[in-house]
Amino acid sequence: GFGSGVQIPVRDRFQNFFGNGNRVDVIGNHSFVSVDTPSLS
């Protein structure tokens, strides 16, 4: 969903299967910063 339409149980289900949407991964000596912008909005 987007913004105020995001349901916490729906987000929890997604993260349980795919991982946290907010994370930092170092790949190829670069810092990849992933941000859950639908929730942040």
PDB file of all heavy atoms in Angstrom:
ATOM      1  N   GLY A   1       0.853  -1.179   0.000  1.00  0.00           N
ATOM      2  CA  GLY A   1       0.000   0.000   0.000  1.00  0.00           C
ATOM      3  C   GLY A   1       0.890   1.231   0.000  1.00  0.00           C
ATOM      4  O   GLY A   1       2.120   1.145  -0.121  1.00  0.00           O
ATOM      5  N   PHE A   2       0.291   2.397   0.133  1.00  0.00           N
ATOM      6  CA  PHE A   2       1.086   3.625   0.102  1.00  0.00           C
ATOM      7  C   PHE A   2       0.606   4.585   1.179  1.00  0.00           C
ATOM      8  O   PHE A   2      -0.595   4.827   1.339  1.00  0.00           O
ATOM      9  CB  PHE A   2       0.999   4.313  -1.264  1.00  0.00           C
ATOM     10  CG  PHE A   2       1.934   5.464  -1.417  1.00  0.00           C
ATOM     11  CD1 PHE A   2       3.254   5.265  -1.770  1.00  0.00           C
ATOM     12  CD2 PHE A   2       1.507   6.774  -1.187  1.00  0.00           C
ATOM     13  CE1 PHE A   2       4.131   6.329  -1.907  1.00  0.00           C
ATOM     14  CE2 PHE A   2       2.369   7.839  -1.318  1.00  0.00           C
ATOM     15  CZ  PHE A   2       3.693   7.621  -1.677  1.00  0.00           C
ATOM     16  N   GLY A   3       1.583   5.141   1.914  1.00  0.00           N
ATOM     17  CA  GLY A   3       1.274   6.167   2.896  1.00  0.00           C
ATOM     18  C   GLY A   3       0.344   5.648   3.977  1.00  0.00           C
ATOM     19  O   GLY A   3       0.561   4.596   4.598  1.00  0.00           O
ATOM     20  N   SER A   4      -0.723   6.378   4.213  1.00  0.00           N
ATOM     21  CA  SER A   4      -1.674   6.002   5.256  1.00  0.00           C
ATOM     22  C   SER A   4      -2.446   4.739   4.915  1.00  0.00           C
ATOM     23  O   SER A   4      -3.135   4.186   5.773  1.00  0.00           O
ATOM     24  CB  SER A   4      -2.649   7.159   5.490  1.00  0.00           C
ATOM     25  OG  SER A   4      -3.336   7.479   4.277  1.00  0.00           O
ATOM     26  N   GLY A   5      -2.340   4.254   3.669  1.00  0.00           N
ATOM     27  CA  GLY A   5      -3.011   3.010   3.285  1.00  0.00           C
ATOM     28  C   GLY A   5      -2.239   1.757   3.643  1.00  0.00           C
ATOM     29  O   GLY A   5      -2.745   0.647   3.439  1.00  0.00           O
ATOM     30  N   VAL A   6      -1.025   1.883   4.167  1.00  0.00           N
ATOM     31  CA  VAL A   6      -0.224   0.718   4.544  1.00  0.00           C
ATOM     32  C   VAL A   6      -0.816   0.096   5.804  1.00  0.00           C
ATOM     33  O   VAL A   6      -1.072   0.789   6.802  1.00  0.00           O
ATOM     34  CB  VAL A   6       1.245   1.113   4.779  1.00  0.00           C
ATOM     35  CG1 VAL A   6       2.041  -0.075   5.310  1.00  0.00           C
ATOM     36  CG2 VAL A   6       1.866   1.628   3.483  1.00  0.00           C
ATOM     37  N   GLN A   7      -1.029  -1.220   5.773  1.00  0.00           N
ATOM     38  CA  GLN A   7      -1.491  -1.953   6.944  1.00  0.00           C
ATOM     39  C   GLN A   7      -0.295  -2.671   7.582  1.00  0.00           C
ATOM     40  O   GLN A   7       0.460  -3.361   6.878  1.00  0.00           O
ATOM     41  CB  GLN A   7      -2.562  -2.976   6.569  1.00  0.00           C
ATOM     42  CG  GLN A   7      -3.809  -2.355   5.958  1.00  0.00           C
ATOM     43  CD  GLN A   7      -4.889  -3.390   5.702  1.00  0.00           C
ATOM     44  OE1 GLN A   7      -5.496  -3.922   6.632  1.00  0.00           O
ATOM     45  NE2 GLN A   7      -5.126  -3.681   4.441  1.00  0.00           N
ATOM     46  N   ILE A   8      -0.139  -2.513   8.859  1.00  0.00           N
ATOM     47  CA  ILE A   8       0.999  -3.096   9.559  1.00  0.00           C
ATOM     48  C   ILE A   8       1.047  -4.613   9.406  1.00  0.00           C
ATOM     49  O   ILE A   8       2.117  -5.173   9.146  1.00  0.00           O
ATOM     50  CB  ILE A   8       0.992  -2.683  11.044  1.00  0.00           C
ATOM     51  CG1 ILE A   8       1.028  -1.152  11.173  1.00  0.00           C
ATOM     52  CG2 ILE A   8       2.176  -3.302  11.780  1.00  0.00           C
ATOM     53  CD1 ILE A   8       2.232  -0.508  10.540  1.00  0.00           C
ATOM     54  N   PRO A   9      -0.069  -5.365   9.537  1.00  0.00           N
ATOM     55  CA  PRO A   9       0.006  -6.818   9.329  1.00  0.00           C
ATOM     56  C   PRO A   9       0.464  -7.198   7.920  1.00  0.00           C
ATOM     57  O   PRO A   9       1.183  -8.185   7.742  1.00  0.00           O
ATOM     58  CB  PRO A   9      -1.416  -7.291   9.608  1.00  0.00           C
ATOM     59  CG  PRO A   9      -2.003  -6.255  10.501  1.00  0.00           C
ATOM     60  CD  PRO A   9      -1.400  -4.962  10.030  1.00  0.00           C
ATOM     61  N   VAL A  10       0.046  -6.427   6.935  1.00  0.00           N
ATOM     62  CA  VAL A  10       0.480  -6.704   5.561  1.00  0.00           C
ATOM     63  C   VAL A  10       1.981  -6.482   5.431  1.00  0.00           C
ATOM     64  O   VAL A  10       2.699  -7.277   4.802  1.00  0.00           O
ATOM     65  CB  VAL A  10      -0.303  -5.817   4.573  1.00  0.00           C
ATOM     66  CG1 VAL A  10       0.267  -5.956   3.164  1.00  0.00           C
ATOM     67  CG2 VAL A  10      -1.781  -6.182   4.586  1.00  0.00           C
ATOM     68  N   ARG A  11       2.482  -5.406   6.014  1.00  0.00           N
ATOM     69  CA  ARG A  11       3.924  -5.145   5.970  1.00  0.00           C
ATOM     70  C   ARG A  11       4.701  -6.206   6.743  1.00  0.00           C
ATOM     71  O   ARG A  11       5.770  -6.654   6.289  1.00  0.00           O
ATOM     72  CB  ARG A  11       4.222  -3.754   6.530  1.00  0.00           C
ATOM     73  CG  ARG A  11       5.687  -3.350   6.394  1.00  0.00           C
ATOM     74  CD  ARG A  11       5.910  -1.921   6.839  1.00  0.00           C
ATOM     75  NE  ARG A  11       5.729  -1.758   8.286  1.00  0.00           N
ATOM     76  CZ  ARG A  11       5.778  -0.579   8.907  1.00  0.00           C
ATOM     77  NH1 ARG A  11       5.986   0.526   8.219  1.00  0.00           N
ATOM     78  NH2 ARG A  11       5.604  -0.501  10.219  1.00  0.00           N
ATOM     79  N   ASP A  12       4.196  -6.614   7.888  1.00  0.00           N
ATOM     80  CA  ASP A  12       4.882  -7.654   8.659  1.00  0.00           C
ATOM     81  C   ASP A  12       4.962  -8.961   7.879  1.00  0.00           C
ATOM     82  O   ASP A  12       5.981  -9.653   7.911  1.00  0.00           O
ATOM     83  CB  ASP A  12       4.154  -7.884   9.987  1.00  0.00           C
ATOM     84  CG  ASP A  12       4.281  -6.689  10.924  1.00  0.00           C
ATOM     85  OD1 ASP A  12       5.190  -5.861  10.697  1.00  0.00           O
ATOM     86  OD2 ASP A  12       3.458  -6.573  11.859  1.00  0.00           O
ATOM     87  N   ARG A  13       3.894  -9.305   7.172  1.00  0.00           N
ATOM     88  CA  ARG A  13       3.908 -10.530   6.364  1.00  0.00           C
ATOM     89  C   ARG A  13       4.967 -10.449   5.270  1.00  0.00           C
ATOM     90  O   ARG A  13       5.721 -11.405   5.043  1.00  0.00           O
ATOM     91  CB  ARG A  13       2.525 -10.760   5.744  1.00  0.00           C
ATOM     92  CG  ARG A  13       2.438 -11.979   4.847  1.00  0.00           C
ATOM     93  CD  ARG A  13       1.034 -12.143   4.289  1.00  0.00           C
ATOM     94  NE  ARG A  13       0.603 -10.985   3.516  1.00  0.00           N
ATOM     95  CZ  ARG A  13      -0.641 -10.817   3.057  1.00  0.00           C
ATOM     96  NH1 ARG A  13      -1.574 -11.709   3.334  1.00  0.00           N
ATOM     97  NH2 ARG A  13      -0.951  -9.742   2.351  1.00  0.00           N
ATOM     98  N   PHE A  14       5.041  -9.314   4.607  1.00  0.00           N
ATOM     99  CA  PHE A  14       6.035  -9.149   3.550  1.00  0.00           C
ATOM    100  C   PHE A  14       7.454  -9.261   4.113  1.00  0.00           C
ATOM    101  O   PHE A  14       8.315  -9.937   3.546  1.00  0.00           O
ATOM    102  CB  PHE A  14       5.834  -7.796   2.864  1.00  0.00           C
ATOM    103  CG  PHE A  14       6.754  -7.554   1.695  1.00  0.00           C
ATOM    104  CD1 PHE A  14       6.413  -7.966   0.425  1.00  0.00           C
ATOM    105  CD2 PHE A  14       7.967  -6.903   1.872  1.00  0.00           C
ATOM    106  CE1 PHE A  14       7.259  -7.752  -0.653  1.00  0.00           C
ATOM    107  CE2 PHE A  14       8.819  -6.669   0.815  1.00  0.00           C
ATOM    108  CZ  PHE A  14       8.467  -7.098  -0.458  1.00  0.00           C
ATOM    109  N   GLN A  15       7.722  -8.603   5.239  1.00  0.00           N
ATOM    110  CA  GLN A  15       9.062  -8.630   5.813  1.00  0.00           C
ATOM    111  C   GLN A  15       9.415  -9.995   6.371  1.00  0.00           C
ATOM    112  O   GLN A  15      10.603 -10.382   6.377  1.00  0.00           O
ATOM    113  CB  GLN A  15       9.176  -7.564   6.900  1.00  0.00           C
ATOM    114  CG  GLN A  15       9.112  -6.131   6.374  1.00  0.00           C
ATOM    115  CD  GLN A  15       9.307  -5.099   7.458  1.00  0.00           C
ATOM    116  OE1 GLN A  15       9.380  -5.415   8.641  1.00  0.00           O
ATOM    117  NE2 GLN A  15       9.398  -3.832   7.054  1.00  0.00           N
ATOM    118  N   ASN A  16       8.441 -10.765   6.836  1.00  0.00           N
ATOM    119  CA  ASN A  16       8.728 -12.105   7.337  1.00  0.00           C
ATOM    120  C   ASN A  16       9.251 -13.017   6.240  1.00  0.00           C
ATOM    121  O   ASN A  16      10.045 -13.934   6.505  1.00  0.00           O
ATOM    122  CB  ASN A  16       7.476 -12.718   7.964  1.00  0.00           C
ATOM    123  CG  ASN A  16       7.115 -12.081   9.294  1.00  0.00           C
ATOM    124  OD1 ASN A  16       7.972 -11.482   9.954  1.00  0.00           O
ATOM    125  ND2 ASN A  16       5.852 -12.185   9.678  1.00  0.00           N
ATOM    126  N   PHE A  17       8.830 -12.786   5.011  1.00  0.00           N
ATOM    127  CA  PHE A  17       9.245 -13.641   3.904  1.00  0.00           C
ATOM    128  C   PHE A  17      10.429 -13.070   3.130  1.00  0.00           C
ATOM    129  O   PHE A  17      11.224 -13.842   2.582  1.00  0.00           O
ATOM    130  CB  PHE A  17       8.070 -13.867   2.946  1.00  0.00           C
ATOM    131  CG  PHE A  17       7.081 -14.886   3.426  1.00  0.00           C
ATOM    132  CD1 PHE A  17       6.078 -14.541   4.318  1.00  0.00           C
ATOM    133  CD2 PHE A  17       7.145 -16.194   2.983  1.00  0.00           C
ATOM    134  CE1 PHE A  17       5.167 -15.471   4.764  1.00  0.00           C
ATOM    135  CE2 PHE A  17       6.242 -17.142   3.421  1.00  0.00           C
ATOM    136  CZ  PHE A  17       5.242 -16.783   4.320  1.00  0.00           C
ATOM    137  N   PHE A  18      10.548 -11.749   3.041  1.00  0.00           N
ATOM    138  CA  PHE A  18      11.581 -11.145   2.200  1.00  0.00           C
ATOM    139  C   PHE A  18      12.645 -10.394   2.992  1.00  0.00           C
ATOM    140  O   PHE A  18      13.687 -10.061   2.424  1.00  0.00           O
ATOM    141  CB  PHE A  18      10.951 -10.182   1.189  1.00  0.00           C
ATOM    142  CG  PHE A  18      10.154 -10.866   0.121  1.00  0.00           C
ATOM    143  CD1 PHE A  18       8.774 -10.936   0.206  1.00  0.00           C
ATOM    144  CD2 PHE A  18      10.778 -11.446  -0.969  1.00  0.00           C
ATOM    145  CE1 PHE A  18       8.026 -11.566  -0.767  1.00  0.00           C
ATOM    146  CE2 PHE A  18      10.047 -12.077  -1.955  1.00  0.00           C
ATOM    147  CZ  PHE A  18       8.664 -12.149  -1.853  1.00  0.00           C
ATOM    148  N   GLY A  19      12.430 -10.113   4.248  1.00  0.00           N
ATOM    149  CA  GLY A  19      13.400  -9.364   5.032  1.00  0.00           C
ATOM    150  C   GLY A  19      12.975  -7.918   5.222  1.00  0.00           C
ATOM    151  O   GLY A  19      11.997  -7.439   4.624  1.00  0.00           O
ATOM    152  N   ASN A  20      13.744  -7.219   6.059  1.00  0.00           N
ATOM    153  CA  ASN A  20      13.438  -5.819   6.380  1.00  0.00           C
ATOM    154  C   ASN A  20      13.662  -4.937   5.163  1.00  0.00           C
ATOM    155  O   ASN A  20      14.685  -5.032   4.472  1.00  0.00           O
ATOM    156  CB  ASN A  20      14.319  -5.359   7.547  1.00  0.00           C
ATOM    157  CG  ASN A  20      13.764  -4.114   8.209  1.00  0.00           C
ATOM    158  OD1 ASN A  20      13.182  -3.254   7.564  1.00  0.00           O
ATOM    159  ND2 ASN A  20      13.960  -4.008   9.517  1.00  0.00           N
ATOM    160  N   GLY A  21      12.702  -4.065   4.913  1.00  0.00           N
ATOM    161  CA  GLY A  21      12.829  -3.162   3.770  1.00  0.00           C
ATOM    162  C   GLY A  21      13.773  -2.013   3.996  1.00  0.00           C
ATOM    163  O   GLY A  21      14.110  -1.301   3.036  1.00  0.00           O
ATOM    164  N   ASN A  22      14.233  -1.807   5.215  1.00  0.00           N
ATOM    165  CA  ASN A  22      15.199  -0.753   5.534  1.00  0.00           C
ATOM    166  C   ASN A  22      16.504  -1.430   5.942  1.00  0.00           C
ATOM    167  O   ASN A  22      16.577  -2.062   7.003  1.00  0.00           O
ATOM    168  CB  ASN A  22      14.677   0.127   6.673  1.00  0.00           C
ATOM    169  CG  ASN A  22      13.313   0.717   6.364  1.00  0.00           C
ATOM    170  OD1 ASN A  22      13.172   1.615   5.548  1.00  0.00           O
ATOM    171  ND2 ASN A  22      12.285   0.185   7.027  1.00  0.00           N
ATOM    172  N   ARG A  23      17.529  -1.294   5.119  1.00  0.00           N
ATOM    173  CA  ARG A  23      18.766  -2.011   5.370  1.00  0.00           C
ATOM    174  C   ARG A  23      19.913  -1.354   4.626  1.00  0.00           C
ATOM    175  O   ARG A  23      19.715  -0.561   3.692  1.00  0.00           O
ATOM    176  CB  ARG A  23      18.639  -3.471   4.940  1.00  0.00           C
ATOM    177  CG  ARG A  23      18.236  -3.626   3.479  1.00  0.00           C
ATOM    178  CD  ARG A  23      17.924  -5.070   3.140  1.00  0.00           C
ATOM    179  NE  ARG A  23      19.130  -5.900   3.199  1.00  0.00           N
ATOM    180  CZ  ARG A  23      19.094  -7.231   3.202  1.00  0.00           C
ATOM    181  NH1 ARG A  23      17.924  -7.868   3.173  1.00  0.00           N
ATOM    182  NH2 ARG A  23      20.212  -7.923   3.231  1.00  0.00           N
ATOM    183  N   VAL A  24      21.137  -1.729   5.016  1.00  0.00           N
ATOM    184  CA  VAL A  24      22.356  -1.282   4.346  1.00  0.00           C
ATOM    185  C   VAL A  24      23.150  -2.525   3.967  1.00  0.00           C
ATOM    186  O   VAL A  24      23.403  -3.396   4.809  1.00  0.00           O
ATOM    187  CB  VAL A  24      23.200  -0.362   5.246  1.00  0.00           C
ATOM    188  CG1 VAL A  24      24.499   0.016   4.538  1.00  0.00           C
ATOM    189  CG2 VAL A  24      22.422   0.897   5.609  1.00  0.00           C
ATOM    190  N   ASP A  25      23.529  -2.618   2.703  1.00  0.00           N
ATOM    191  CA  ASP A  25      24.344  -3.722   2.195  1.00  0.00           C
ATOM    192  C   ASP A  25      25.550  -3.144   1.476  1.00  0.00           C
ATOM    193  O   ASP A  25      25.399  -2.249   0.623  1.00  0.00           O
ATOM    194  CB  ASP A  25      23.533  -4.585   1.227  1.00  0.00           C
ATOM    195  CG  ASP A  25      22.327  -5.230   1.878  1.00  0.00           C
ATOM    196  OD1 ASP A  25      22.495  -6.282   2.520  1.00  0.00           O
ATOM    197  OD2 ASP A  25      21.208  -4.672   1.749  1.00  0.00           O
ATOM    198  N   VAL A  26      26.716  -3.640   1.804  1.00  0.00           N
ATOM    199  CA  VAL A  26      27.934  -3.240   1.102  1.00  0.00           C
ATOM    200  C   VAL A  26      28.147  -4.218  -0.041  1.00  0.00           C
ATOM    201  O   VAL A  26      28.389  -5.410   0.175  1.00  0.00           O
ATOM    202  CB  VAL A  26      29.139  -3.214   2.046  1.00  0.00           C
ATOM    203  CG1 VAL A  26      30.408  -2.868   1.262  1.00  0.00           C
ATOM    204  CG2 VAL A  26      28.921  -2.205   3.166  1.00  0.00           C
ATOM    205  N   ILE A  27      28.044  -3.726  -1.260  1.00  0.00           N
ATOM    206  CA  ILE A  27      28.163  -4.543  -2.467  1.00  0.00           C
ATOM    207  C   ILE A  27      29.169  -3.880  -3.389  1.00  0.00           C
ATOM    208  O   ILE A  27      28.989  -2.711  -3.771  1.00  0.00           O
ATOM    209  CB  ILE A  27      26.804  -4.683  -3.177  1.00  0.00           C
ATOM    210  CG1 ILE A  27      25.774  -5.332  -2.236  1.00  0.00           C
ATOM    211  CG2 ILE A  27      26.928  -5.490  -4.455  1.00  0.00           C
ATOM    212  CD1 ILE A  27      24.384  -5.388  -2.823  1.00  0.00           C
ATOM    213  N   GLY A  28      30.188  -4.599  -3.743  1.00  0.00           N
ATOM    214  CA  GLY A  28      31.194  -4.033  -4.636  1.00  0.00           C
ATOM    215  C   GLY A  28      31.836  -2.784  -4.083  1.00  0.00           C
ATOM    216  O   GLY A  28      32.114  -1.847  -4.845  1.00  0.00           O
ATOM    217  N   ASN A  29      32.079  -2.749  -2.780  1.00  0.00           N
ATOM    218  CA  ASN A  29      32.669  -1.585  -2.099  1.00  0.00           C
ATOM    219  C   ASN A  29      31.818  -0.329  -2.269  1.00  0.00           C
ATOM    220  O   ASN A  29      32.331   0.785  -2.345  1.00  0.00           O
ATOM    221  CB  ASN A  29      34.099  -1.333  -2.593  1.00  0.00           C
ATOM    222  CG  ASN A  29      35.041  -2.465  -2.232  1.00  0.00           C
ATOM    223  OD1 ASN A  29      34.803  -3.189  -1.264  1.00  0.00           O
ATOM    224  ND2 ASN A  29      36.105  -2.613  -3.007  1.00  0.00           N
ATOM    225  N   HIS A  30      30.509  -0.519  -2.332  1.00  0.00           N
ATOM    226  CA  HIS A  30      29.541   0.572  -2.339  1.00  0.00           C
ATOM    227  C   HIS A  30      28.490   0.263  -1.273  1.00  0.00           C
ATOM    228  O   HIS A  30      28.116  -0.904  -1.090  1.00  0.00           O
ATOM    229  CB  HIS A  30      28.855   0.732  -3.700  1.00  0.00           C
ATOM    230  CG  HIS A  30      29.758   1.244  -4.778  1.00  0.00           C
ATOM    231  ND1 HIS A  30      30.758   0.485  -5.343  1.00  0.00           N
ATOM    232  CD2 HIS A  30      29.797   2.455  -5.414  1.00  0.00           C
ATOM    233  CE1 HIS A  30      31.378   1.191  -6.273  1.00  0.00           C
ATOM    234  NE2 HIS A  30      30.813   2.398  -6.333  1.00  0.00           N
ATOM    235  N   SER A  31      28.027   1.295  -0.591  1.00  0.00           N
ATOM    236  CA  SER A  31      27.006   1.129   0.447  1.00  0.00           C
ATOM    237  C   SER A  31      25.624   1.336  -0.168  1.00  0.00           C
ATOM    238  O   SER A  31      25.256   2.457  -0.546  1.00  0.00           O
ATOM    239  CB  SER A  31      27.232   2.130   1.587  1.00  0.00           C
ATOM    240  OG  SER A  31      28.448   1.861   2.254  1.00  0.00           O
ATOM    241  N   PHE A  32      24.844   0.247  -0.286  1.00  0.00           N
ATOM    242  CA  PHE A  32      23.488   0.299  -0.820  1.00  0.00           C
ATOM    243  C   PHE A  32      22.520   0.501   0.330  1.00  0.00           C
ATOM    244  O   PHE A  32      22.396  -0.362   1.215  1.00  0.00           O
ATOM    245  CB  PHE A  32      23.162  -0.985  -1.580  1.00  0.00           C
ATOM    246  CG  PHE A  32      23.785  -1.074  -2.941  1.00  0.00           C
ATOM    247  CD1 PHE A  32      25.144  -1.341  -3.088  1.00  0.00           C
ATOM    248  CD2 PHE A  32      23.023  -0.871  -4.079  1.00  0.00           C
ATOM    249  CE1 PHE A  32      25.721  -1.423  -4.337  1.00  0.00           C
ATOM    250  CE2 PHE A  32      23.591  -0.950  -5.337  1.00  0.00           C
ATOM    251  CZ  PHE A  32      24.954  -1.222  -5.472  1.00  0.00           C
ATOM    252  N   VAL A  33      21.804   1.623   0.313  1.00  0.00           N
ATOM    253  CA  VAL A  33      20.864   1.980   1.376  1.00  0.00           C
ATOM    254  C   VAL A  33      19.451   1.803   0.829  1.00  0.00           C
ATOM    255  O   VAL A  33      19.025   2.528  -0.084  1.00  0.00           O
ATOM    256  CB  VAL A  33      21.081   3.420   1.863  1.00  0.00           C
ATOM    257  CG1 VAL A  33      20.088   3.758   2.971  1.00  0.00           C
ATOM    258  CG2 VAL A  33      22.516   3.615   2.337  1.00  0.00           C
ATOM    259  N   SER A  34      18.710   0.828   1.367  1.00  0.00           N
ATOM    260  CA  SER A  34      17.327   0.582   0.958  1.00  0.00           C
ATOM    261  C   SER A  34      16.389   1.235   1.963  1.00  0.00           C
ATOM    262  O   SER A  34      16.555   1.061   3.178  1.00  0.00           O
ATOM    263  CB  SER A  34      17.046  -0.921   0.890  1.00  0.00           C
ATOM    264  OG  SER A  34      17.919  -1.569  -0.020  1.00  0.00           O
ATOM    265  N   VAL A  35      15.393   1.970   1.468  1.00  0.00           N
ATOM    266  CA  VAL A  35      14.447   2.687   2.322  1.00  0.00           C
ATOM    267  C   VAL A  35      13.025   2.328   1.904  1.00  0.00           C
ATOM    268  O   VAL A  35      12.680   2.375   0.711  1.00  0.00           O
ATOM    269  CB  VAL A  35      14.656   4.214   2.241  1.00  0.00           C
ATOM    270  CG1 VAL A  35      13.667   4.935   3.155  1.00  0.00           C
ATOM    271  CG2 VAL A  35      16.085   4.586   2.608  1.00  0.00           C
ATOM    272  N   ASP A  36      12.206   1.970   2.884  1.00  0.00           N
ATOM    273  CA  ASP A  36      10.794   1.666   2.661  1.00  0.00           C
ATOM    274  C   ASP A  36      10.037   2.984   2.490  1.00  0.00           C
ATOM    275  O   ASP A  36       9.387   3.489   3.417  1.00  0.00           O
ATOM    276  CB  ASP A  36      10.262   0.856   3.852  1.00  0.00           C
ATOM    277  CG  ASP A  36       8.775   0.548   3.732  1.00  0.00           C
ATOM    278  OD1 ASP A  36       8.199   0.810   2.662  1.00  0.00           O
ATOM    279  OD2 ASP A  36       8.202   0.062   4.728  1.00  0.00           O
ATOM    280  N   THR A  37      10.095   3.547   1.296  1.00  0.00           N
ATOM    281  CA  THR A  37       9.460   4.848   1.053  1.00  0.00           C
ATOM    282  C   THR A  37       7.935   4.793   1.017  1.00  0.00           C
ATOM    283  O   THR A  37       7.301   5.810   1.348  1.00  0.00           O
ATOM    284  CB  THR A  37       9.998   5.465  -0.251  1.00  0.00           C
ATOM    285  OG1 THR A  37       9.934   4.485  -1.304  1.00  0.00           O
ATOM    286  CG2 THR A  37      11.433   5.909  -0.082  1.00  0.00           C
ATOM    287  N   PRO A  38       7.268   3.681   0.626  1.00  0.00           N
ATOM    288  CA  PRO A  38       5.802   3.687   0.754  1.00  0.00           C
ATOM    289  C   PRO A  38       5.334   3.896   2.189  1.00  0.00           C
ATOM    290  O   PRO A  38       4.351   4.615   2.421  1.00  0.00           O
ATOM    291  CB  PRO A  38       5.408   2.295   0.226  1.00  0.00           C
ATOM    292  CG  PRO A  38       6.480   1.952  -0.743  1.00  0.00           C
ATOM    293  CD  PRO A  38       7.733   2.497  -0.131  1.00  0.00           C
ATOM    294  N   SER A  39       6.034   3.303   3.169  1.00  0.00           N
ATOM    295  CA  SER A  39       5.654   3.516   4.566  1.00  0.00           C
ATOM    296  C   SER A  39       6.076   4.890   5.053  1.00  0.00           C
ATOM    297  O   SER A  39       5.332   5.566   5.787  1.00  0.00           O
ATOM    298  CB  SER A  39       6.281   2.435   5.450  1.00  0.00           C
ATOM    299  OG  SER A  39       5.822   1.152   5.104  1.00  0.00           O
ATOM    300  N   LEU A  40       7.273   5.338   4.643  1.00  0.00           N
ATOM    301  CA  LEU A  40       7.768   6.635   5.081  1.00  0.00           C
ATOM    302  C   LEU A  40       6.875   7.768   4.587  1.00  0.00           C
ATOM    303  O   LEU A  40       6.763   8.822   5.232  1.00  0.00           O
ATOM    304  CB  LEU A  40       9.198   6.836   4.596  1.00  0.00           C
ATOM    305  CG  LEU A  40       9.921   8.100   5.062  1.00  0.00           C
ATOM    306  CD1 LEU A  40      10.084   8.103   6.575  1.00  0.00           C
ATOM    307  CD2 LEU A  40      11.281   8.221   4.374  1.00  0.00           C
ATOM    308  N   SER A  41       6.200   7.570   3.460  1.00  0.00           N
ATOM    309  CA  SER A  41       5.363   8.629   2.891  1.00  0.00           C
ATOM    310  C   SER A  41       4.145   8.933   3.739  1.00  0.00           C
ATOM    311  O   SER A  41       3.460   9.934   3.488  1.00  0.00           O
ATOM    312  CB  SER A  41       4.920   8.241   1.472  1.00  0.00           C
ATOM    313  OG  SER A  41       6.036   8.148   0.607  1.00  0.00           O
TER     314      SER A  41
END
